[in-house]
Each structure stands twice: as C-alpha cells, then as structure tokens.
PDB file of N, CA and C in Angstrom:
ATOM      1  N   MET A   1     194.706 223.361  68.154  1.00  0.00           N
ATOM      2  CA  MET A   1     194.360 224.631  68.735  1.00  0.00           C
ATOM      3  C   MET A   1     195.518 225.670  68.415  1.00  0.00           C
ATOM      4  N   ARG A   2     196.743 225.286  68.790  1.00  0.00           N
ATOM      5  CA  ARG A   2     197.797 226.258  68.554  1.00  0.00           C
ATOM      6  C   ARG A   2     197.944 226.422  67.026  1.00  0.00           C
ATOM      7  N   ALA A   3     197.780 225.550  66.193  1.00  0.00           N
ATOM      8  CA  ALA A   3     197.960 225.804  64.726  1.00  0.00           C
ATOM      9  C   ALA A   3     196.873 226.686  64.369  1.00  0.00           C
ATOM     10  N   LEU A   4     195.645 226.729  64.858  1.00  0.00           N
ATOM     11  CA  LEU A   4     194.520 227.635  64.472  1.00  0.00           C
ATOM     12  C   LEU A   4     194.917 229.021  64.981  1.00  0.00           C
ATOM     13  N   ILE A   5     195.451 229.129  66.129  1.00  0.00           N
ATOM     14  CA  ILE A   5     195.812 230.463  66.560  1.00  0.00           C
ATOM     15  C   ILE A   5     197.015 231.032  65.721  1.00  0.00           C
ATOM     16  N   LEU A   6     197.977 230.261  65.581  1.00  0.00           N
ATOM     17  CA  LEU A   6     198.978 230.714  64.781  1.00  0.00           C
ATOM     18  C   LEU A   6     198.526 231.143  63.321  1.00  0.00           C
ATOM     19  N   LEU A   7     197.729 230.283  62.755  1.00  0.00           N
ATOM     20  CA  LEU A   7     197.221 230.730  61.405  1.00  0.00           C
ATOM     21  C   LEU A   7     196.573 232.041  61.530  1.00  0.00           C
ATOM     22  N   SER A   8     195.726 232.292  62.504  1.00  0.00           N
ATOM     23  CA  SER A   8     194.892 233.420  62.557  1.00  0.00           C
ATOM     24  C   SER A   8     195.818 234.584  62.861  1.00  0.00           C
ATOM     25  N   LEU A   9     196.897 234.478  63.606  1.00  0.00           N
ATOM     26  CA  LEU A   9     197.848 235.609  63.809  1.00  0.00           C
ATOM     27  C   LEU A   9     198.573 235.886  62.628  1.00  0.00           C
ATOM     28  N   MET A  10     198.872 234.820  61.719  1.00  0.00           N
ATOM     29  CA  MET A  10     199.578 235.108  60.499  1.00  0.00           C
ATOM     30  C   MET A  10     198.627 235.860  59.523  1.00  0.00           C
ATOM     31  N   ILE A  11     197.337 235.472  59.532  1.00  0.00           N
ATOM     32  CA  ILE A  11     196.445 236.304  58.653  1.00  0.00           C
ATOM     33  C   ILE A  11     196.204 237.685  59.188  1.00  0.00           C
ATOM     34  N   LEU A  12     196.229 237.901  60.512  1.00  0.00           N
ATOM     35  CA  LEU A  12     196.181 239.130  61.040  1.00  0.00           C
ATOM     36  C   LEU A  12     197.353 240.079  60.706  1.00  0.00           C
ATOM     37  N   SER A  13     198.517 239.475  60.696  1.00  0.00           N
ATOM     38  CA  SER A  13     199.815 240.224  60.313  1.00  0.00           C
ATOM     39  C   SER A  13     199.688 240.603  58.760  1.00  0.00           C
ATOM     40  N   LEU A  14     199.089 239.934  57.911  1.00  0.00           N
ATOM     41  CA  LEU A  14     198.927 240.214  56.432  1.00  0.00           C
ATOM     42  C   LEU A  14     198.022 241.453  56.397  1.00  0.00           C
ATOM     43  N   ASN A  15     197.129 241.880  57.264  1.00  0.00           N
ATOM     44  CA  ASN A  15     196.241 242.921  57.214  1.00  0.00           C
ATOM     45  C   ASN A  15     196.668 243.969  58.299  1.00  0.00           C
ATOM     46  N   ALA A  16     197.964 243.883  58.571  1.00  0.00           N
ATOM     47  CA  ALA A  16     198.440 244.863  59.554  1.00  0.00           C
ATOM     48  C   ALA A  16     198.314 246.347  59.152  1.00  0.00           C
ATOM     49  N   ASN A  17     198.713 246.708  57.900  1.00  0.00           N
ATOM     50  CA  ASN A  17     198.487 247.941  57.428  1.00  0.00           C
ATOM     51  C   ASN A  17     197.090 248.635  57.548  1.00  0.00           C
ATOM     52  N   GLU A  18     195.990 247.711  57.290  1.00  0.00           N
ATOM     53  CA  GLU A  18     194.778 248.180  57.347  1.00  0.00           C
ATOM     54  C   GLU A  18     194.293 248.439  58.754  1.00  0.00           C
ATOM     55  N   PHE A  19     194.428 247.602  59.749  1.00  0.00           N
ATOM     56  CA  PHE A  19     194.030 247.880  61.013  1.00  0.00           C
ATOM     57  C   PHE A  19     194.843 248.889  61.824  1.00  0.00           C
ATOM     58  N   LEU A  20     196.064 249.152  61.382  1.00  0.00           N
ATOM     59  CA  LEU A  20     196.769 250.158  62.062  1.00  0.00           C
ATOM     60  C   LEU A  20     196.416 251.608  61.651  1.00  0.00           C
ATOM     61  N   THR A  21     195.444 251.658  60.691  1.00  0.00           N
ATOM     62  CA  THR A  21     195.109 253.037  60.153  1.00  0.00           C
ATOM     63  C   THR A  21     193.940 253.513  61.154  1.00  0.00           C
ATOM     64  N   SER A  22     193.805 254.897  61.246  1.00  0.00           N
ATOM     65  CA  SER A  22     192.694 255.308  62.076  1.00  0.00           C
ATOM     66  C   SER A  22     191.384 255.148  61.378  1.00  0.00           C
ATOM     67  N   GLU A  23     191.279 254.945  60.194  1.00  0.00           N
ATOM     68  CA  GLU A  23     190.055 254.700  59.516  1.00  0.00           C
ATOM     69  C   GLU A  23     189.494 253.373  60.087  1.00  0.00           C
ATOM     70  N   PHE A  24     190.311 252.449  60.227  1.00  0.00           N
ATOM     71  CA  PHE A  24     189.794 251.055  60.628  1.00  0.00           C
ATOM     72  C   PHE A  24     188.998 251.255  61.958  1.00  0.00           C
ATOM     73  N   TRP A  25     189.729 252.014  62.932  1.00  0.00           N
ATOM     74  CA  TRP A  25     189.118 252.033  64.308  1.00  0.00           C
ATOM     75  C   TRP A  25     188.020 253.125  64.324  1.00  0.00           C
ATOM     76  N   ASP A  26     187.712 253.932  63.373  1.00  0.00           N
ATOM     77  CA  ASP A  26     186.841 254.954  63.373  1.00  0.00           C
ATOM     78  C   ASP A  26     185.313 254.279  63.335  1.00  0.00           C
ATOM     79  N   GLU A  27     185.278 253.000  62.801  1.00  0.00           N
ATOM     80  CA  GLU A  27     184.037 252.425  62.768  1.00  0.00           C
ATOM     81  C   GLU A  27     183.696 251.932  64.065  1.00  0.00           C
ATOM     82  N   GLU A  28     182.438 252.227  64.681  1.00  0.00           N
ATOM     83  CA  GLU A  28     182.026 251.971  65.989  1.00  0.00           C
ATOM     84  C   GLU A  28     181.918 250.399  66.028  1.00  0.00           C
ATOM     85  N   ASP A  29     181.643 249.667  64.964  1.00  0.00           N
ATOM     86  CA  ASP A  29     181.592 248.247  64.913  1.00  0.00           C
ATOM     87  C   ASP A  29     182.903 247.556  65.310  1.00  0.00           C
ATOM     88  N   LYS A  30     183.928 248.060  64.623  1.00  0.00           N
ATOM     89  CA  LYS A  30     185.293 247.469  64.998  1.00  0.00           C
ATOM     90  C   LYS A  30     185.501 247.613  66.501  1.00  0.00           C
ATOM     91  N   GLN A  31     185.080 248.876  67.067  1.00  0.00           N
ATOM     92  CA  GLN A  31     185.549 248.946  68.575  1.00  0.00           C
ATOM     93  C   GLN A  31     184.647 248.222  69.346  1.00  0.00           C
ATOM     94  N   LYS A  32     183.422 247.749  69.005  1.00  0.00           N
ATOM     95  CA  LYS A  32     182.530 246.915  69.717  1.00  0.00           C
ATOM     96  C   LYS A  32     183.216 245.467  69.673  1.00  0.00           C
ATOM     97  N   HIS A  33     183.600 244.992  68.472  1.00  0.00           N
ATOM     98  CA  HIS A  33     184.226 243.726  68.349  1.00  0.00           C
ATOM     99  C   HIS A  33     185.555 243.565  69.202  1.00  0.00           C
ATOM    100  N   PHE A  34     186.358 244.705  69.195  1.00  0.00           N
ATOM    101  CA  PHE A  34     187.633 244.606  69.980  1.00  0.00           C
ATOM    102  C   PHE A  34     187.209 244.503  71.635  1.00  0.00           C
ATOM    103  N   THR A  35     186.273 245.375  71.939  1.00  0.00           N
ATOM    104  CA  THR A  35     185.918 245.379  73.370  1.00  0.00           C
ATOM    105  C   THR A  35     185.222 244.046  73.800  1.00  0.00           C
ATOM    106  N   GLY A  36     184.386 243.543  72.985  1.00  0.00           N
ATOM    107  CA  GLY A  36     183.749 242.354  73.321  1.00  0.00           C
ATOM    108  C   GLY A  36     184.736 241.178  73.271  1.00  0.00           C
ATOM    109  N   SER A  37     185.640 241.180  72.387  1.00  0.00           N
ATOM    110  CA  SER A  37     186.673 240.035  72.340  1.00  0.00           C
ATOM    111  C   SER A  37     187.663 240.141  73.617  1.00  0.00           C
ATOM    112  N   VAL A  38     187.959 241.394  73.944  1.00  0.00           N
ATOM    113  CA  VAL A  38     188.667 241.596  75.204  1.00  0.00           C
ATOM    114  C   VAL A  38     188.032 240.783  76.446  1.00  0.00           C
ATOM    115  N   ALA A  39     186.741 241.182  76.542  1.00  0.00           N
ATOM    116  CA  ALA A  39     186.091 240.653  77.627  1.00  0.00           C
ATOM    117  C   ALA A  39     185.897 239.046  77.669  1.00  0.00           C
ATOM    118  N   ILE A  40     185.667 238.549  76.369  1.00  0.00           N
ATOM    119  CA  ILE A  40     185.569 237.219  76.335  1.00  0.00           C
ATOM    120  C   ILE A  40     186.955 236.499  76.551  1.00  0.00           C
ATOM    121  N   GLY A  41     188.049 237.150  76.145  1.00  0.00           N
ATOM    122  CA  GLY A  41     189.369 236.455  76.282  1.00  0.00           C
ATOM    123  C   GLY A  41     189.738 236.641  77.744  1.00  0.00           C
ATOM    124  N   VAL A  42     189.342 237.618  78.463  1.00  0.00           N
ATOM    125  CA  VAL A  42     189.674 237.733  79.868  1.00  0.00           C
ATOM    126  C   VAL A  42     188.902 236.564  80.627  1.00  0.00           C
ATOM    127  N   VAL A  43     187.770 236.398  80.337  1.00  0.00           N
ATOM    128  CA  VAL A  43     186.980 235.433  81.034  1.00  0.00           C
ATOM    129  C   VAL A  43     187.305 234.018  80.688  1.00  0.00           C
ATOM    130  N   THR A  44     187.451 233.693  79.412  1.00  0.00           N
ATOM    131  CA  THR A  44     187.909 232.401  79.181  1.00  0.00           C
ATOM    132  C   THR A  44     189.248 231.979  79.615  1.00  0.00           C
ATOM    133  N   THR A  45     190.145 232.821  79.590  1.00  0.00           N
ATOM    134  CA  THR A  45     191.498 232.573  80.130  1.00  0.00           C
ATOM    135  C   THR A  45     191.511 232.346  81.631  1.00  0.00           C
ATOM    136  N   GLY A  46     190.729 233.243  82.221  1.00  0.00           N
ATOM    137  CA  GLY A  46     190.610 233.093  83.780  1.00  0.00           C
ATOM    138  C   GLY A  46     189.871 231.880  84.112  1.00  0.00           C
ATOM    139  N   LEU A  47     188.886 231.309  83.364  1.00  0.00           N
ATOM    140  CA  LEU A  47     188.203 230.183  83.618  1.00  0.00           C
ATOM    141  C   LEU A  47     189.144 228.918  83.387  1.00  0.00           C
ATOM    142  N   ALA A  48     190.019 229.047  82.269  1.00  0.00           N
ATOM    143  CA  ALA A  48     190.961 227.891  82.056  1.00  0.00           C
ATOM    144  C   ALA A  48     191.946 227.847  83.291  1.00  0.00           C
ATOM    145  N   ARG A  49     192.376 229.064  83.789  1.00  0.00           N
ATOM    146  CA  ARG A  49     193.348 229.008  84.919  1.00  0.00           C
ATOM    147  C   ARG A  49     192.648 228.449  86.187  1.00  0.00           C
ATOM    148  N   HIS A  50     191.464 228.879  86.307  1.00  0.00           N
ATOM    149  CA  HIS A  50     190.718 228.260  87.522  1.00  0.00           C
ATOM    150  C   HIS A  50     190.546 226.711  87.401  1.00  0.00           C
ATOM    151  N   TYR A  51     190.400 226.176  86.304  1.00  0.00           N
ATOM    152  CA  TYR A  51     190.246 224.818  86.147  1.00  0.00           C
ATOM    153  C   TYR A  51     191.554 223.973  85.920  1.00  0.00           C
ATOM    154  N   GLY A  52     192.759 224.631  86.241  1.00  0.00           N
ATOM    155  CA  GLY A  52     193.906 224.054  86.440  1.00  0.00           C
ATOM    156  C   GLY A  52     194.847 224.079  85.076  1.00  0.00           C
ATOM    157  N   SER A  53     194.649 224.846  84.136  1.00  0.00           N
ATOM    158  CA  SER A  53     195.579 225.007  83.082  1.00  0.00           C
ATOM    159  C   SER A  53     196.705 225.850  83.340  1.00  0.00           C
ATOM    160  N   SER A  54     197.777 225.627  82.734  1.00  0.00           N
ATOM    161  CA  SER A  54     198.952 226.565  82.972  1.00  0.00           C
ATOM    162  C   SER A  54     198.722 227.785  82.345  1.00  0.00           C
ATOM    163  N   LYS A  55     199.677 228.821  82.621  1.00  0.00           N
ATOM    164  CA  LYS A  55     199.538 230.036  81.956  1.00  0.00           C
ATOM    165  C   LYS A  55     199.466 230.090  80.478  1.00  0.00           C
ATOM    166  N   ILE A  56     200.409 229.228  79.899  1.00  0.00           N
ATOM    167  CA  ILE A  56     200.373 229.109  78.387  1.00  0.00           C
ATOM    168  C   ILE A  56     199.215 228.413  77.942  1.00  0.00           C
ATOM    169  N   GLU A  57     198.847 227.324  78.465  1.00  0.00           N
ATOM    170  CA  GLU A  57     197.645 226.679  78.062  1.00  0.00           C
ATOM    171  C   GLU A  57     196.368 227.564  78.180  1.00  0.00           C
ATOM    172  N   SER A  58     196.183 228.303  79.257  1.00  0.00           N
ATOM    173  CA  SER A  58     195.132 229.216  79.492  1.00  0.00           C
ATOM    174  C   SER A  58     195.091 230.363  78.404  1.00  0.00           C
ATOM    175  N   PHE A  59     196.251 230.752  78.092  1.00  0.00           N
ATOM    176  CA  PHE A  59     196.411 231.784  77.043  1.00  0.00           C
ATOM    177  C   PHE A  59     195.898 231.343  75.806  1.00  0.00           C
ATOM    178  N   PHE A  60     196.214 230.156  75.302  1.00  0.00           N
ATOM    179  CA  PHE A  60     195.848 229.604  74.046  1.00  0.00           C
ATOM    180  C   PHE A  60     194.430 229.228  74.080  1.00  0.00           C
ATOM    181  N   ILE A  61     193.805 228.910  75.132  1.00  0.00           N
ATOM    182  CA  ILE A  61     192.409 228.442  75.236  1.00  0.00           C
ATOM    183  C   ILE A  61     191.669 229.832  75.168  1.00  0.00           C
ATOM    184  N   GLY A  62     192.020 230.846  75.806  1.00  0.00           N
ATOM    185  CA  GLY A  62     191.437 232.073  75.822  1.00  0.00           C
ATOM    186  C   GLY A  62     191.330 232.679  74.464  1.00  0.00           C
ATOM    187  N   VAL A  63     192.406 232.703  73.701  1.00  0.00           N
ATOM    188  CA  VAL A  63     192.681 233.213  72.382  1.00  0.00           C
ATOM    189  C   VAL A  63     191.806 232.456  71.416  1.00  0.00           C
ATOM    190  N   GLY A  64     191.884 231.061  71.464  1.00  0.00           N
ATOM    191  CA  GLY A  64     191.138 230.207  70.476  1.00  0.00           C
ATOM    192  C   GLY A  64     189.752 230.429  70.733  1.00  0.00           C
ATOM    193  N   SER A  65     189.192 230.240  71.908  1.00  0.00           N
ATOM    194  CA  SER A  65     187.876 230.235  72.052  1.00  0.00           C
ATOM    195  C   SER A  65     187.270 231.572  71.546  1.00  0.00           C
ATOM    196  N   THR A  66     187.939 232.725  71.827  1.00  0.00           N
ATOM    197  CA  THR A  66     187.517 234.123  71.363  1.00  0.00           C
ATOM    198  C   THR A  66     187.575 234.195  70.030  1.00  0.00           C
ATOM    199  N   ILE A  67     188.502 233.780  69.293  1.00  0.00           N
ATOM    200  CA  ILE A  67     188.490 233.858  67.726  1.00  0.00           C
ATOM    201  C   ILE A  67     187.468 232.965  67.266  1.00  0.00           C
ATOM    202  N   MET A  68     187.149 231.812  67.859  1.00  0.00           N
ATOM    203  CA  MET A  68     186.204 230.924  67.408  1.00  0.00           C
ATOM    204  C   MET A  68     184.797 231.466  67.451  1.00  0.00           C
ATOM    205  N   ILE A  69     184.547 232.177  68.640  1.00  0.00           N
ATOM    206  CA  ILE A  69     183.257 232.969  68.861  1.00  0.00           C
ATOM    207  C   ILE A  69     183.086 234.080  67.741  1.00  0.00           C
ATOM    208  N   GLY A  70     184.104 234.802  67.598  1.00  0.00           N
ATOM    209  CA  GLY A  70     184.049 235.839  66.581  1.00  0.00           C
ATOM    210  C   GLY A  70     183.835 235.285  65.189  1.00  0.00           C
ATOM    211  N   TRP A  71     184.506 234.224  64.897  1.00  0.00           N
ATOM    212  CA  TRP A  71     184.323 233.587  63.529  1.00  0.00           C
ATOM    213  C   TRP A  71     182.911 233.018  63.345  1.00  0.00           C
ATOM    214  N   LEU A  72     182.302 232.497  64.392  1.00  0.00           N
ATOM    215  CA  LEU A  72     180.870 232.003  64.386  1.00  0.00           C
ATOM    216  C   LEU A  72     179.874 233.217  64.263  1.00  0.00           C
ATOM    217  N   LYS A  73     180.285 234.162  64.908  1.00  0.00           N
ATOM    218  CA  LYS A  73     179.400 235.429  64.711  1.00  0.00           C
ATOM    219  C   LYS A  73     179.347 235.876  63.140  1.00  0.00           C
ATOM    220  N   GLU A  74     180.551 235.804  62.596  1.00  0.00           N
ATOM    221  CA  GLU A  74     180.678 236.384  61.182  1.00  0.00           C
ATOM    222  C   GLU A  74     179.993 235.385  60.301  1.00  0.00           C
ATOM    223  N   VAL A  75     179.985 234.155  60.590  1.00  0.00           N
ATOM    224  CA  VAL A  75     179.306 233.142  59.753  1.00  0.00           C
ATOM    225  C   VAL A  75     177.817 233.293  59.783  1.00  0.00           C
ATOM    226  N   SER A  76     177.355 233.662  61.004  1.00  0.00           N
ATOM    227  CA  SER A  76     175.937 233.878  61.242  1.00  0.00           C
ATOM    228  C   SER A  76     175.558 235.105  60.690  1.00  0.00           C
ATOM    229  N   ASP A  77     176.404 236.099  60.732  1.00  0.00           N
ATOM    230  CA  ASP A  77     176.037 237.469  59.899  1.00  0.00           C
ATOM    231  C   ASP A  77     175.704 237.046  58.489  1.00  0.00           C
ATOM    232  N   GLY A  78     176.533 236.263  57.802  1.00  0.00           N
ATOM    233  CA  GLY A  78     176.392 236.056  56.447  1.00  0.00           C
ATOM    234  C   GLY A  78     175.273 235.206  56.174  1.00  0.00           C
ATOM    235  N   ASN A  79     174.527 234.484  57.036  1.00  0.00           N
ATOM    236  CA  ASN A  79     173.367 233.701  56.734  1.00  0.00           C
ATOM    237  C   ASN A  79     172.202 234.475  57.086  1.00  0.00           C
ATOM    238  N   GLY A  80     172.232 235.459  58.032  1.00  0.00           N
ATOM    239  CA  GLY A  80     171.153 236.233  58.339  1.00  0.00           C
ATOM    240  C   GLY A  80     170.920 237.585  57.586  1.00  0.00           C
ATOM    241  N   ASN A  81     170.414 238.573  58.193  1.00  0.00           N
ATOM    242  CA  ASN A  81     170.327 239.811  57.644  1.00  0.00           C
ATOM    243  C   ASN A  81     171.536 240.627  57.717  1.00  0.00           C
ATOM    244  N   GLY A  82     172.424 240.387  58.752  1.00  0.00           N
ATOM    245  CA  GLY A  82     173.596 241.016  58.970  1.00  0.00           C
ATOM    246  C   GLY A  82     174.601 241.053  57.704  1.00  0.00           C
ATOM    247  N   THR A  83     175.602 241.864  57.628  1.00  0.00           N
ATOM    248  CA  THR A  83     176.553 241.892  56.692  1.00  0.00           C
ATOM    249  C   THR A  83     177.934 241.222  57.320  1.00  0.00           C
ATOM    250  N   LYS A  84     178.299 240.527  56.407  1.00  0.00           N
ATOM    251  CA  LYS A  84     179.683 239.751  56.696  1.00  0.00           C
ATOM    252  C   LYS A  84     180.903 240.763  56.423  1.00  0.00           C
ATOM    253  N   ASP A  85     181.699 240.859  57.545  1.00  0.00           N
ATOM    254  CA  ASP A  85     182.839 241.872  57.267  1.00  0.00           C
ATOM    255  C   ASP A  85     184.062 241.057  57.850  1.00  0.00           C
ATOM    256  N   ILE A  86     184.916 240.732  56.911  1.00  0.00           N
ATOM    257  CA  ILE A  86     186.209 240.029  57.356  1.00  0.00           C
ATOM    258  C   ILE A  86     187.002 240.759  58.266  1.00  0.00           C
ATOM    259  N   ASN A  87     186.981 242.056  58.122  1.00  0.00           N
ATOM    260  CA  ASN A  87     187.754 242.983  59.032  1.00  0.00           C
ATOM    261  C   ASN A  87     187.387 242.983  60.367  1.00  0.00           C
ATOM    262  N   ASP A  88     186.030 242.545  60.619  1.00  0.00           N
ATOM    263  CA  ASP A  88     185.589 242.318  62.114  1.00  0.00           C
ATOM    264  C   ASP A  88     186.542 241.252  62.762  1.00  0.00           C
ATOM    265  N   LEU A  89     186.824 240.224  62.027  1.00  0.00           N
ATOM    266  CA  LEU A  89     187.786 239.213  62.642  1.00  0.00           C
ATOM    267  C   LEU A  89     189.173 239.748  62.921  1.00  0.00           C
ATOM    268  N   ASP A  90     189.684 240.806  62.339  1.00  0.00           N
ATOM    269  CA  ASP A  90     190.898 241.398  62.744  1.00  0.00           C
ATOM    270  C   ASP A  90     190.749 241.953  64.113  1.00  0.00           C
ATOM    271  N   ALA A  91     189.633 242.807  64.262  1.00  0.00           N
ATOM    272  CA  ALA A  91     189.455 243.358  65.679  1.00  0.00           C
ATOM    273  C   ALA A  91     189.191 242.215  66.688  1.00  0.00           C
ATOM    274  N   ASP A  92     188.545 241.230  66.409  1.00  0.00           N
ATOM    275  CA  ASP A  92     188.323 240.084  67.313  1.00  0.00           C
ATOM    276  C   ASP A  92     189.636 239.421  67.702  1.00  0.00           C
ATOM    277  N   MET A  93     190.589 239.271  66.729  1.00  0.00           N
ATOM    278  CA  MET A  93     191.749 238.607  67.033  1.00  0.00           C
ATOM    279  C   MET A  93     192.720 239.519  67.942  1.00  0.00           C
ATOM    280  N   LEU A  94     192.649 240.753  67.715  1.00  0.00           N
ATOM    281  CA  LEU A  94     193.397 241.748  68.519  1.00  0.00           C
ATOM    282  C   LEU A  94     192.801 241.738  69.898  1.00  0.00           C
ATOM    283  N   GLY A  95     191.489 241.781  70.059  1.00  0.00           N
ATOM    284  CA  GLY A  95     190.915 241.866  71.335  1.00  0.00           C
ATOM    285  C   GLY A  95     191.198 240.394  72.114  1.00  0.00           C
ATOM    286  N   ALA A  96     190.959 239.405  71.358  1.00  0.00           N
ATOM    287  CA  ALA A  96     191.419 238.093  71.942  1.00  0.00           C
ATOM    288  C   ALA A  96     192.719 237.994  72.584  1.00  0.00           C
ATOM    289  N   VAL A  97     193.742 238.438  71.926  1.00  0.00           N
ATOM    290  CA  VAL A  97     195.211 238.374  72.310  1.00  0.00           C
ATOM    291  C   VAL A  97     195.404 239.410  73.532  1.00  0.00           C
ATOM    292  N   THR A  98     194.684 240.500  73.428  1.00  0.00           N
ATOM    293  CA  THR A  98     194.779 241.515  74.429  1.00  0.00           C
ATOM    294  C   THR A  98     194.070 241.052  75.778  1.00  0.00           C
ATOM    295  N   GLY A  99     192.889 240.452  75.647  1.00  0.00           N
ATOM    296  CA  GLY A  99     192.220 239.958  76.843  1.00  0.00           C
ATOM    297  C   GLY A  99     192.946 238.841  77.414  1.00  0.00           C
ATOM    298  N   SER A 100     193.489 237.976  76.728  1.00  0.00           N
ATOM    299  CA  SER A 100     194.178 236.769  77.237  1.00  0.00           C
ATOM    300  C   SER A 100     195.484 237.265  77.875  1.00  0.00           C
ATOM    301  N   VAL A 101     196.161 238.126  77.367  1.00  0.00           N
ATOM    302  CA  VAL A 101     197.436 238.650  77.957  1.00  0.00           C
ATOM    303  C   VAL A 101     197.165 239.250  79.272  1.00  0.00           C
ATOM    304  N   ILE A 102     196.031 240.079  79.351  1.00  0.00           N
ATOM    305  CA  ILE A 102     195.697 240.842  80.547  1.00  0.00           C
ATOM    306  C   ILE A 102     195.464 239.696  81.648  1.00  0.00           C
ATOM    307  N   SER A 103     194.633 238.731  81.340  1.00  0.00           N
ATOM    308  CA  SER A 103     194.169 237.858  82.153  1.00  0.00           C
ATOM    309  C   SER A 103     195.396 236.969  82.618  1.00  0.00           C
ATOM    310  N   THR A 104     196.210 236.632  81.899  1.00  0.00           N
ATOM    311  CA  THR A 104     197.393 235.829  82.242  1.00  0.00           C
ATOM    312  C   THR A 104     198.419 236.699  83.024  1.00  0.00           C
ATOM    313  N   GLN A 105     198.595 237.844  82.617  1.00  0.00           N
ATOM    314  CA  GLN A 105     199.641 238.673  83.449  1.00  0.00           C
ATOM    315  C   GLN A 105     199.113 238.895  84.893  1.00  0.00           C
ATOM    316  N   PHE A 106     197.907 239.096  85.056  1.00  0.00           N
ATOM    317  CA  PHE A 106     197.292 239.307  86.420  1.00  0.00           C
ATOM    318  C   PHE A 106     196.985 238.091  87.081  1.00  0.00           C
ATOM    319  N   ASN A 107     197.192 236.927  86.448  1.00  0.00           N
ATOM    320  CA  ASN A 107     196.945 235.642  87.062  1.00  0.00           C
ATOM    321  C   ASN A 107     195.478 235.613  87.573  1.00  0.00           C
ATOM    322  N   TRP A 108     194.571 236.112  86.847  1.00  0.00           N
ATOM    323  CA  TRP A 108     193.114 236.052  87.212  1.00  0.00           C
ATOM    324  C   TRP A 108     192.546 234.732  87.110  1.00  0.00           C
ATOM    325  N   ARG A 109     191.712 234.152  88.162  1.00  0.00           N
ATOM    326  CA  ARG A 109     191.119 232.941  88.036  1.00  0.00           C
ATOM    327  C   ARG A 109     189.546 233.228  88.398  1.00  0.00           C
ATOM    328  N   PHE A 110     188.770 232.710  87.542  1.00  0.00           N
ATOM    329  CA  PHE A 110     187.347 232.873  87.829  1.00  0.00           C
ATOM    330  C   PHE A 110     186.619 231.674  88.053  1.00  0.00           C
TER     331      PHE A 110
END
C-alpha cells in the first residue's frame, strides 16, 4: 500500500506544473474531485483510527483508499459514457493527502 501511495505521489509531482496553474482549478470537475477526495480521506482516515490503527497507518489507509476510489471512478468513466481524464487523478491525490492530513492532525475517530 505504501508503495502505491509513493508511486502516486511521484506521478503527481511530475504533473506539478499543470495543477499549480489556475487553468487546472478553473474546471468545476477538478474542484469536485478535490472536495470529494478530501471528504473520503477524512472519513477513511478517521475510521482507521477508530479501529485501532496508528496515526501513520491511518494516514496511509486514508490516502490509499481515496486514491483507489478515484482510480476506479476514472476506469468506470472510460467504460461508460463519461470521459476519462487523467488530470482528475491529480485532484484526487491532492484531496486524499489533504483529507488524511486534516483527519490525522485533529485525531478524528469515526
């Protein structure tokens, strides 16, 4: 799981110039992906803490599960009528890390 998260963060850093521009965030879709991922990251990290995981473990569980959900959503978009946009995963990764950090720092348990 940690390898998946580290790989995702490395891919995210390769696209850093793109998502740091205002044009990236002007799209409403990217804002929805980020906001949804923050919410999923907060909840899954809090659930992991509730069930006895340490702060570090719960952080990685929150980030990993959120990235996996975002990835599955993009895969399903490619199979249906939706359009596949790899940049949505960048917004998902940023949201996953943000939500997990928030939940970990406030020591929330659900």
